[in-house]
């Protein structure tokens, strides 16, 4: 006995999925004769048609991102960033004063810049002022 149309009508009437609707075996003759939405509602009230509970997973479980080569954000060391910025600044300053210094003094200053001898541009300028006197 094919009751697909009746199941579809019941699903539409009750606002649930067809998989949730269950017809009781002893009352199939009554269900077969139901033609209207009101007939279906009456059969639900009498207990000939039963609505099953919702099964399955209710919460969406999202897939976690894996840490692969493309997802790694490498943090550059803050100390290194500061060193690079200061070194570039001081070497630029040294290039500006190039004509006033001898080759030996210039090499010595470059080594001191590399070894973080100077804390700032001002300290570098005061040091050079002491050399030139």
N, C-alpha and C. Protein backbone atom coordinates (compact mmCIF):
# COMPACT_ATOMS: atom_id res chain seq x y z
N UNK A 1 0.84 -1.18 0.00
CA UNK A 1 0.00 0.00 0.00
C UNK A 1 0.89 1.25 0.00
N UNK A 2 0.73 2.11 -1.00
CA UNK A 2 1.58 3.29 -1.16
C UNK A 2 0.89 4.52 -0.58
N UNK A 3 1.48 5.08 0.47
CA UNK A 3 0.88 6.24 1.12
C UNK A 3 1.79 7.48 1.04
N UNK A 4 2.61 7.54 -0.01
CA UNK A 4 3.54 8.67 -0.15
C UNK A 4 2.81 10.01 -0.23
N UNK A 5 1.72 10.04 -0.99
CA UNK A 5 0.97 11.30 -1.15
C UNK A 5 0.37 11.74 0.18
N UNK A 6 -0.12 10.77 0.96
CA UNK A 6 -0.70 11.09 2.26
C UNK A 6 0.37 11.61 3.22
N UNK A 7 1.56 11.01 3.12
CA UNK A 7 2.68 11.44 3.97
C UNK A 7 3.09 12.86 3.60
N UNK A 8 3.12 13.16 2.30
CA UNK A 8 3.47 14.52 1.84
C UNK A 8 2.43 15.53 2.31
N UNK A 9 1.16 15.15 2.23
CA UNK A 9 0.07 16.03 2.69
C UNK A 9 0.19 16.29 4.19
N UNK A 10 0.48 15.25 4.94
CA UNK A 10 0.63 15.38 6.38
C UNK A 10 1.83 16.28 6.72
N UNK A 11 2.92 16.11 5.98
CA UNK A 11 4.13 16.92 6.22
C UNK A 11 3.84 18.39 5.96
N UNK A 12 3.13 18.67 4.85
CA UNK A 12 2.76 20.05 4.52
C UNK A 12 1.82 20.63 5.57
N UNK A 13 0.87 19.86 5.98
CA UNK A 13 -0.14 20.32 6.94
C UNK A 13 0.50 20.63 8.31
N UNK A 14 1.37 19.77 8.76
CA UNK A 14 1.93 19.89 10.10
C UNK A 14 3.23 20.70 10.14
N UNK A 15 3.78 20.98 8.98
CA UNK A 15 5.00 21.80 8.91
C UNK A 15 6.23 21.07 9.40
N UNK A 16 6.32 19.78 9.11
CA UNK A 16 7.50 18.99 9.49
C UNK A 16 7.96 18.21 8.26
N UNK A 17 9.11 17.57 8.36
CA UNK A 17 9.63 16.78 7.26
C UNK A 17 8.90 15.46 7.14
N UNK A 18 8.93 14.90 5.93
CA UNK A 18 8.26 13.63 5.70
C UNK A 18 8.86 12.49 6.52
N UNK A 19 10.13 12.57 6.81
CA UNK A 19 10.79 11.51 7.58
C UNK A 19 10.31 11.46 9.03
N UNK A 20 9.76 12.58 9.52
CA UNK A 20 9.31 12.63 10.92
C UNK A 20 7.88 12.09 11.09
N UNK A 21 7.18 11.86 10.00
CA UNK A 21 5.79 11.42 10.10
C UNK A 21 5.73 9.90 10.11
N UNK A 22 4.94 9.36 11.07
CA UNK A 22 4.80 7.91 11.17
C UNK A 22 3.32 7.57 11.24
N UNK A 23 2.93 6.63 10.38
CA UNK A 23 1.54 6.15 10.38
C UNK A 23 1.48 4.87 11.21
N UNK A 24 0.48 4.76 12.07
CA UNK A 24 0.31 3.54 12.87
C UNK A 24 -0.35 2.46 12.00
N UNK A 25 0.21 1.26 12.06
CA UNK A 25 -0.24 0.13 11.20
C UNK A 25 -1.74 -0.18 11.34
N UNK A 26 -2.30 -0.30 12.54
CA UNK A 26 -3.72 -0.69 12.63
C UNK A 26 -4.69 0.35 12.06
N UNK A 27 -4.24 1.61 11.93
CA UNK A 27 -5.16 2.68 11.51
C UNK A 27 -4.92 3.11 10.06
N UNK A 28 -4.23 2.32 9.27
CA UNK A 28 -3.89 2.68 7.89
C UNK A 28 -5.13 2.92 7.02
N UNK A 29 -6.21 2.18 7.24
CA UNK A 29 -7.43 2.34 6.44
C UNK A 29 -8.02 3.74 6.63
N UNK A 30 -8.01 4.24 7.87
CA UNK A 30 -8.51 5.60 8.14
C UNK A 30 -7.64 6.65 7.45
N UNK A 31 -6.30 6.42 7.53
CA UNK A 31 -5.35 7.37 6.94
C UNK A 31 -5.54 7.41 5.42
N UNK A 32 -5.79 6.25 4.81
CA UNK A 32 -5.95 6.16 3.36
C UNK A 32 -7.17 6.98 2.90
N UNK A 33 -8.17 7.05 3.71
CA UNK A 33 -9.38 7.77 3.35
C UNK A 33 -9.33 9.27 3.62
N UNK A 34 -8.31 9.73 4.32
CA UNK A 34 -8.17 11.17 4.62
C UNK A 34 -7.83 11.92 3.33
N UNK A 35 -8.60 13.00 3.05
CA UNK A 35 -8.38 13.76 1.82
C UNK A 35 -7.95 15.20 2.09
N UNK A 36 -8.38 15.78 3.18
CA UNK A 36 -8.12 17.20 3.43
C UNK A 36 -7.12 17.38 4.57
N UNK A 37 -6.67 18.61 4.69
CA UNK A 37 -5.76 18.95 5.78
C UNK A 37 -6.47 18.76 7.13
N UNK A 38 -7.72 19.08 7.17
CA UNK A 38 -8.47 18.94 8.42
C UNK A 38 -8.54 17.47 8.83
N UNK A 39 -8.70 16.56 7.84
CA UNK A 39 -8.72 15.12 8.15
C UNK A 39 -7.39 14.69 8.79
N UNK A 40 -6.30 15.20 8.24
CA UNK A 40 -4.96 14.87 8.77
C UNK A 40 -4.83 15.38 10.20
N UNK A 41 -5.28 16.62 10.45
CA UNK A 41 -5.19 17.20 11.80
C UNK A 41 -6.00 16.37 12.80
N UNK A 42 -7.18 15.90 12.37
CA UNK A 42 -8.01 15.08 13.25
C UNK A 42 -7.33 13.75 13.57
N UNK A 43 -6.66 13.15 12.54
CA UNK A 43 -5.95 11.88 12.76
C UNK A 43 -4.77 12.05 13.71
N UNK A 44 -4.10 13.20 13.65
CA UNK A 44 -2.99 13.48 14.58
C UNK A 44 -3.54 13.59 16.00
N UNK A 45 -4.67 14.27 16.12
CA UNK A 45 -5.31 14.45 17.43
C UNK A 45 -5.74 13.09 18.01
N UNK A 46 -6.25 12.19 17.15
CA UNK A 46 -6.69 10.87 17.59
C UNK A 46 -5.52 9.92 17.88
N UNK A 47 -4.34 10.22 17.28
CA UNK A 47 -3.17 9.37 17.53
C UNK A 47 -2.89 8.38 16.42
N UNK A 48 -3.55 8.50 15.27
CA UNK A 48 -3.29 7.59 14.15
C UNK A 48 -2.00 7.98 13.43
N UNK A 49 -1.70 9.29 13.44
CA UNK A 49 -0.45 9.80 12.85
C UNK A 49 0.40 10.34 13.99
N UNK A 50 1.65 9.92 14.03
CA UNK A 50 2.57 10.35 15.10
C UNK A 50 3.72 11.12 14.47
N UNK A 51 4.13 12.20 15.15
CA UNK A 51 5.29 12.97 14.68
C UNK A 51 6.49 12.57 15.54
N UNK A 52 7.53 12.07 14.88
CA UNK A 52 8.74 11.65 15.60
C UNK A 52 9.53 12.86 16.06
N UNK A 53 10.31 12.66 17.10
CA UNK A 53 11.19 13.73 17.59
C UNK A 53 12.35 13.95 16.62
N UNK A 54 12.92 15.14 16.69
CA UNK A 54 14.07 15.45 15.84
C UNK A 54 15.27 14.70 16.38
N UNK A 55 15.96 14.02 15.49
CA UNK A 55 17.16 13.28 15.90
C UNK A 55 18.38 13.93 15.30
N UNK A 56 19.53 13.47 15.72
CA UNK A 56 20.77 13.96 15.11
C UNK A 56 21.40 15.09 15.88
N UNK A 57 22.40 15.67 15.28
CA UNK A 57 23.22 16.71 15.91
C UNK A 57 22.50 18.05 15.81
N UNK A 58 22.37 18.73 16.91
CA UNK A 58 21.67 20.01 16.90
C UNK A 58 22.61 21.19 16.74
N UNK A 59 23.84 21.05 17.20
CA UNK A 59 24.81 22.15 17.06
C UNK A 59 25.73 21.87 15.89
N UNK A 60 26.14 22.92 15.24
CA UNK A 60 27.07 22.78 14.12
C UNK A 60 28.47 22.74 14.69
N UNK A 61 29.18 21.66 14.43
CA UNK A 61 30.56 21.54 14.88
C UNK A 61 31.45 21.92 13.72
N UNK A 62 32.14 23.03 13.86
CA UNK A 62 33.00 23.51 12.78
C UNK A 62 34.36 22.81 12.83
N UNK A 63 34.92 22.59 11.65
CA UNK A 63 36.22 21.96 11.54
C UNK A 63 37.29 22.94 12.00
N UNK A 64 38.21 22.46 12.82
CA UNK A 64 39.26 23.35 13.32
C UNK A 64 40.35 23.50 12.28
N UNK A 65 40.92 24.70 12.23
CA UNK A 65 42.00 24.94 11.27
C UNK A 65 43.28 24.30 11.79
N UNK A 66 43.97 23.67 10.90
CA UNK A 66 45.23 23.06 11.30
C UNK A 66 46.38 24.03 11.08
N UNK A 67 47.40 23.87 11.88
CA UNK A 67 48.57 24.73 11.76
C UNK A 67 49.52 24.09 10.74
N UNK A 68 49.40 24.55 9.51
CA UNK A 68 50.28 24.05 8.46
C UNK A 68 51.22 25.17 8.03
N UNK A 69 52.09 24.87 7.12
CA UNK A 69 53.10 25.83 6.70
C UNK A 69 52.49 27.14 6.21
N UNK A 70 51.36 27.08 5.54
CA UNK A 70 50.74 28.28 5.00
C UNK A 70 50.03 29.13 6.04
N UNK A 71 49.74 28.56 7.22
CA UNK A 71 48.98 29.28 8.24
C UNK A 71 49.84 29.90 9.33
N UNK A 72 51.15 29.67 9.31
CA UNK A 72 52.02 30.15 10.39
C UNK A 72 52.40 31.59 10.13
N UNK A 73 52.11 32.43 11.11
CA UNK A 73 52.56 33.83 11.06
C UNK A 73 53.79 33.95 11.95
N UNK A 74 54.93 34.13 11.34
CA UNK A 74 56.16 34.19 12.12
C UNK A 74 56.32 35.58 12.71
N UNK A 75 56.60 35.64 14.01
CA UNK A 75 56.77 36.93 14.68
C UNK A 75 58.23 37.33 14.62
N UNK A 76 58.49 38.50 14.06
CA UNK A 76 59.87 38.99 14.00
C UNK A 76 60.21 39.56 15.37
N UNK A 77 61.40 39.26 15.81
CA UNK A 77 61.84 39.70 17.13
C UNK A 77 61.85 41.24 17.20
N UNK A 78 61.20 41.81 18.21
CA UNK A 78 61.11 43.26 18.39
C UNK A 78 62.51 43.87 18.52
N UNK A 79 63.39 43.19 19.24
CA UNK A 79 64.76 43.70 19.43
C UNK A 79 65.48 43.84 18.10
N UNK A 80 65.26 42.87 17.23
CA UNK A 80 65.90 42.91 15.91
C UNK A 80 65.37 44.08 15.09
N UNK A 81 64.05 44.30 15.14
CA UNK A 81 63.46 45.41 14.40
C UNK A 81 64.07 46.74 14.84
N UNK A 82 64.20 46.91 16.16
CA UNK A 82 64.78 48.15 16.70
C UNK A 82 66.25 48.29 16.26
N UNK A 83 66.99 47.18 16.29
CA UNK A 83 68.40 47.20 15.89
C UNK A 83 68.54 47.62 14.43
N UNK A 84 67.71 47.03 13.56
CA UNK A 84 67.78 47.33 12.12
C UNK A 84 67.46 48.80 11.87
N UNK A 85 66.42 49.31 12.52
CA UNK A 85 66.02 50.71 12.33
C UNK A 85 67.13 51.66 12.75
N UNK A 86 67.71 51.42 13.93
CA UNK A 86 68.77 52.30 14.45
C UNK A 86 70.02 52.21 13.58
N UNK A 87 70.38 51.00 13.19
CA UNK A 87 71.58 50.81 12.37
C UNK A 87 71.45 51.55 11.04
N UNK A 88 70.30 51.43 10.40
CA UNK A 88 70.11 52.12 9.12
C UNK A 88 70.18 53.63 9.30
N UNK A 89 69.60 54.12 10.39
CA UNK A 89 69.62 55.56 10.66
C UNK A 89 71.05 56.06 10.84
N UNK A 90 71.83 55.32 11.64
CA UNK A 90 73.19 55.74 11.93
C UNK A 90 74.11 55.63 10.71
N UNK A 91 73.92 54.60 9.91
CA UNK A 91 74.73 54.46 8.70
C UNK A 91 74.42 55.57 7.70
N UNK A 92 73.18 56.00 7.65
CA UNK A 92 72.82 57.12 6.78
C UNK A 92 73.52 58.39 7.26
N UNK A 93 73.50 58.58 8.58
CA UNK A 93 74.18 59.74 9.18
C UNK A 93 75.68 59.71 8.86
N UNK A 94 76.26 58.52 8.91
CA UNK A 94 77.69 58.35 8.62
C UNK A 94 77.99 58.71 7.16
N UNK A 95 77.09 58.33 6.23
CA UNK A 95 77.27 58.67 4.83
C UNK A 95 77.23 60.18 4.61
N UNK A 96 76.38 60.87 5.37
CA UNK A 96 76.29 62.34 5.24
C UNK A 96 77.61 62.99 5.65
N UNK A 97 78.26 62.46 6.68
CA UNK A 97 79.52 63.04 7.19
C UNK A 97 80.75 62.44 6.53
N UNK A 98 80.59 61.75 5.45
CA UNK A 98 81.68 61.01 4.83
C UNK A 98 82.93 61.85 4.52
N UNK A 99 82.73 63.05 4.01
CA UNK A 99 83.87 63.88 3.62
C UNK A 99 84.69 64.40 4.79
N UNK A 100 84.12 64.47 5.98
CA UNK A 100 84.80 65.04 7.15
C UNK A 100 85.62 64.02 7.93
N UNK A 101 85.44 62.71 7.65
CA UNK A 101 86.11 61.66 8.42
C UNK A 101 87.17 60.95 7.57
N UNK A 102 88.20 60.45 8.25
CA UNK A 102 89.20 59.64 7.54
C UNK A 102 88.65 58.22 7.37
N UNK A 103 89.35 57.45 6.54
CA UNK A 103 88.90 56.09 6.27
C UNK A 103 88.94 55.24 7.55
N UNK A 104 89.98 55.41 8.34
CA UNK A 104 90.14 54.65 9.58
C UNK A 104 89.01 54.96 10.56
N UNK A 105 88.68 56.26 10.70
CA UNK A 105 87.60 56.68 11.61
C UNK A 105 86.26 56.11 11.15
N UNK A 106 86.06 56.15 9.82
CA UNK A 106 84.81 55.64 9.25
C UNK A 106 84.64 54.15 9.54
N UNK A 107 85.69 53.35 9.33
CA UNK A 107 85.64 51.92 9.60
C UNK A 107 85.37 51.65 11.08
N UNK A 108 86.02 52.42 11.94
CA UNK A 108 85.85 52.27 13.38
C UNK A 108 84.39 52.58 13.78
N UNK A 109 83.82 53.64 13.21
CA UNK A 109 82.44 54.01 13.52
C UNK A 109 81.45 52.95 13.02
N UNK A 110 81.73 52.39 11.82
CA UNK A 110 80.84 51.35 11.28
C UNK A 110 80.82 50.12 12.20
N UNK A 111 81.99 49.75 12.73
CA UNK A 111 82.06 48.61 13.65
C UNK A 111 81.29 48.91 14.94
N UNK A 112 81.40 50.15 15.42
CA UNK A 112 80.69 50.53 16.64
C UNK A 112 79.17 50.55 16.43
N UNK A 113 78.76 51.00 15.25
CA UNK A 113 77.32 50.99 14.93
C UNK A 113 76.82 49.55 14.92
N UNK A 114 77.58 48.67 14.29
CA UNK A 114 77.19 47.26 14.19
C UNK A 114 77.08 46.60 15.57
N UNK A 115 77.97 47.00 16.49
CA UNK A 115 77.98 46.41 17.83
C UNK A 115 77.08 47.12 18.83
N UNK A 116 76.20 48.00 18.34
CA UNK A 116 75.24 48.73 19.17
C UNK A 116 75.92 49.57 20.26
N UNK A 117 76.99 50.22 19.88
CA UNK A 117 77.73 51.08 20.80
C UNK A 117 76.92 52.35 21.10
N UNK A 118 76.16 52.81 20.10
CA UNK A 118 75.37 54.04 20.23
C UNK A 118 73.91 53.69 20.49
N UNK A 119 73.30 54.39 21.46
CA UNK A 119 71.90 54.13 21.80
C UNK A 119 70.94 54.88 20.89
N UNK A 120 71.41 56.03 20.36
CA UNK A 120 70.52 56.84 19.53
C UNK A 120 71.34 57.67 18.56
N UNK A 121 70.62 58.39 17.69
CA UNK A 121 71.26 59.27 16.72
C UNK A 121 71.97 60.43 17.44
N UNK A 122 71.36 60.91 18.51
CA UNK A 122 71.95 62.02 19.28
C UNK A 122 73.27 61.59 19.92
N UNK A 123 73.31 60.37 20.47
CA UNK A 123 74.53 59.86 21.07
C UNK A 123 75.63 59.73 20.01
N UNK A 124 75.26 59.30 18.82
CA UNK A 124 76.20 59.16 17.72
C UNK A 124 76.79 60.52 17.33
N UNK A 125 75.91 61.52 17.22
CA UNK A 125 76.37 62.86 16.84
C UNK A 125 77.29 63.47 17.91
N UNK A 126 76.95 63.27 19.19
CA UNK A 126 77.80 63.81 20.25
C UNK A 126 79.16 63.10 20.27
N UNK A 127 79.19 61.83 19.98
CA UNK A 127 80.44 61.08 19.92
C UNK A 127 81.33 61.62 18.79
N UNK A 128 80.73 61.85 17.62
CA UNK A 128 81.48 62.39 16.48
C UNK A 128 81.97 63.81 16.79
N UNK A 129 81.16 64.58 17.50
CA UNK A 129 81.59 65.93 17.92
C UNK A 129 82.81 65.86 18.80
N UNK A 130 82.91 64.85 19.65
CA UNK A 130 84.08 64.66 20.52
C UNK A 130 85.30 64.26 19.72
N UNK A 131 85.14 63.51 18.63
CA UNK A 131 86.26 63.07 17.79
C UNK A 131 86.84 64.26 17.03
N UNK A 132 85.97 65.08 16.48
CA UNK A 132 86.40 66.17 15.61
C UNK A 132 87.08 67.32 16.34
N UNK A 133 87.04 67.38 17.69
CA UNK A 133 87.66 68.51 18.42
C UNK A 133 89.15 68.41 18.48
